[in-house]
Amino acid sequence: MSTFTELGLRAELLQAIEALGFEQATPVQSETIPILLEAKGQTDMVALAQTGTGKTAAFGLPLLHMLLEDGEPSAKNRPKALILAPTRELCVQISTEMEKYATETGLRMLAVYGGAAMRTQITAMKKGVDILMATPGRLLDLNRQGQVLFDDLEYIILDEADEMLNMGFWDDVQEVLKQAPEGRNIWCFSATLPKPIDAMTKTLMNEPVRVQIGQRNSGTATVTHTVFVVPKEHRYSGLRRLLDSAPGLYGMIFCRTKIETQELAERLVAEGYTASALHGDLSQQQRDLVMQSFRHKRVKLLVCTDVAARGIDVQDLSHVIHFGFPNDTESYTHRSGRTGRAGKSGESWALINPMERRKIAFIQKMIQREMLQSPLPTRDEVLARQVSHFAEEFAAHPEAPEVIKPLVEAVMPRFEHMTSRELIERFFAAELHELVQHYVNEQAEVPSVRAQKDRKERGGDFEDRGPKRQRGMDSPAEQRFAINIGESHGFTWFSLKDFLRETVRLGENDVQGVNCGADQSYFNVPESRVDDVQTALNGAQVKGVEVKLDAVDDQVGRFERERGPRNDRFGGGRPQGKFGDRGGYQGGRGGYQGGGGGGYRGSNDRGGSSDRGGYQGGGGGYRGGSSDRGGYQGGGGGGYRGGSSDRGGYQGGGGGGYQGGGDRGGYQGGAGGAGYQGDKPRGGSWTQRQESPDWARGGDDRADAFNRGASDTSFGGGDRKPRLSSGGKPGFGGKPAFGGNRFGGGPGGKPSFGGGKPGGRKRL
């Protein structure tokens, strides 16, 4: 590696680099900077290097050097250099680093991205900007408004180009490149080179210089990879064992889903860890607060999804933990590459279940590193590491300040009867009380699965597992509540959590396990706060609703649904209850409070007499029975594209079908009215039908052209295209205008499009 002074950079830049404490350039910097400086702004480049290898300085320093050499300031709304990044976080991060390098240059910079006020960005652009950092979407928005012009662009840098492709921004990127003037320089920095990017380098770039640091997808040499195989039901306990075995750990925990991310973060916080969740359901402001806390190490554990973590670059991470292998093995490399940077060592721990072991060989081959399979630390090992860590911190602590000494003197008589050993033992016991208590009370060691355990030996691992929720994360002493407010009252997951905290004056981590439903939500609070919650919330008025609070079992209202027996292929479904049994594959869906209905691939294609059954008796089939979803309290109706109505009528109202007669039928006996693409899509009331027979028959100025599928259209029958109709008079519950079902027949006349026989179940 070279020193920065050997690379030929201008004095202003070397001064800033020295102030930042950098001396040695990284491999990607040593390779790219001399090439770009020597070309003097007359070359394109493709540089492949993993995340965290110093790419920002690799393109940022030569860019600053070139602009200083040029000496001409940019014109209004016309930047000379553009740096494109996939995410707001990376855009801000690049801007922050570039400003540090440019402290002595006088160059003007601006970062523009979505989620921030556009007016502020427009005002800054009008003052003149030399280097513009941007996300593709916001850049094109400003360009279309004439607030950012590409006429004077001399340099375009694509940072994390593969991530922009993965996130769906590649069309925007190519639009920017095509608008840029001839002769501009394009520098493409990426961890990988997918085919679309490789194609772009051949069509939009001019014989680019190619630089590759390390082999593609290879793991960083400073990262140690360890795999812990644990039965799925013990995965959280295993994670806690790992966290406790590494005092001072500062890292990221990757999960596959948003729900798993949120639940895991909540459980960690409830048990005393400083953790935060980062996933796609957070607003930009919430993401910023989470990342600010994590970067300043107020939060030591960032629980995140792969998508939410894209573009995030945090220094000095000691560990990356995989809460299960990612679905895409290439993501393992990106995850692990976030630790072990700048020559420091890092740990990549994968906590997997036995079924995931088959991926180990693939990942080892890809990263070209051995993955050590190890058992979890024992309880004694965890406690020994905690005591050793605390002893080191205690011994290294500076002498007590003067203000403390007289206070200690006052309490010394309480300890005079103790020996020094006894005093130290009690001090350690007090400091590590909660941790010791947890491991002393733990029923048994968390079972690790041996690396080469035979499948037959694993037979007992999956028996007697209990309910799914109990197989997940251990629960502290909490009470779960159901509350009759939710999304229909304007709440989201976060706003409901904030509302509960503020109304009851709960602590930051007292509200856990929140599930915000449409009209009912669920949450957990510590048992010590149950009385406060009930007093503050029961009977309170929230957005016109009187709050009702019910204590429920801890399994109620969780995100994951319970499943029926695994060996019951034709039943399964939800447990019996208010909403009936939906059934499983080739089973019945059932209705609400008795509504009938066949199952998928039952007597019809999703229904015998109904798809999902009607409410209190209404029926109807999907593309084949009497109606799609049936009527309310007996309302009849035809099927989708075939029967008398789409969804039937309300309390007896009939109606034509979708693209047949009425859309949804009438109200309390009202006529179905003309159907979709006819007239009056929901029909008229009974009174209106009596007073206006033309309306009842769909007989306005479009009636002849669109509504009449037969010679005498009664109550909303008819077909937009009469020539295709082969049914009889549709009438009120009579034969449908389409004369049956296109996809398998229904009640009524002959099939109109050569479909199956009436009552058949031919698949679409």
Foldseek 3Di string as FASTA:
>chain_A
DAFPVVLPADPLLVVLCVVVVGTDQFPLLVPQSNVLQVCLLQAAAEEADFPQRPVLCSPLRSVLRSCLVVVDFFAQLEAQEEEEEADPQLLVVSVVVSCSSCVRPPAFEEEDEPPDDVVVVLVSSRVGHHYYYYYLVRVVVCVVVVSHAQANYQEYEYAQVVVCVVVPNVVSVVVSLVRHDPNHYYYYYHNDQDPVNVVCCVPRGDPHHYHYDDDRLAADPQEAAAEFAAAQLCLLVLVVLVCLLDPPAAEEEEDADQQVQQQSQLVCVVLPAQEDEFEDVDRPVVNVVRVVCSLVVVHRYYYYYLNRCPSHAHPDHAEYEYSAAYPDLSSLRNRRNNPCHPPHHHYYYYYHYPVRLVCQVVNCVSNVHHYHYDYRDWLVSSVVSVVVVVVVVVVPDDDDDPVCVVVCVVCVVVCPVDDPVVVVVVVVCVVCVSVVVVNVPDPDTRDTDDSPDDPVVCVPVPPPCPFPVSSHDDDDQKWKKKKFAAVLLPDDQVRVVVVQCVQLVNDPSQWHQWDGDNGMIMIIGHPVCVVSSCVRQQQDADSNDGMDMDTDDPVPRHPDATWDDPPCQFAIAHDADQAGGCGHVQYHHEGGPGFGFGDPPHLANCTQQENNGEACHFGHYELAEFEHHGEHNHFTERYAQFHAEHHGEYCHFYARYAQWFAHHGEYNNFFSFADVVQPDRRGDYPVCCVVDVCRQQSNDPCCVQAFALEPGAHGGGGHNDNVLFDWYHRHGRAAIRQQAGCAAGYPTHDHRNPHHGRSGHHDD
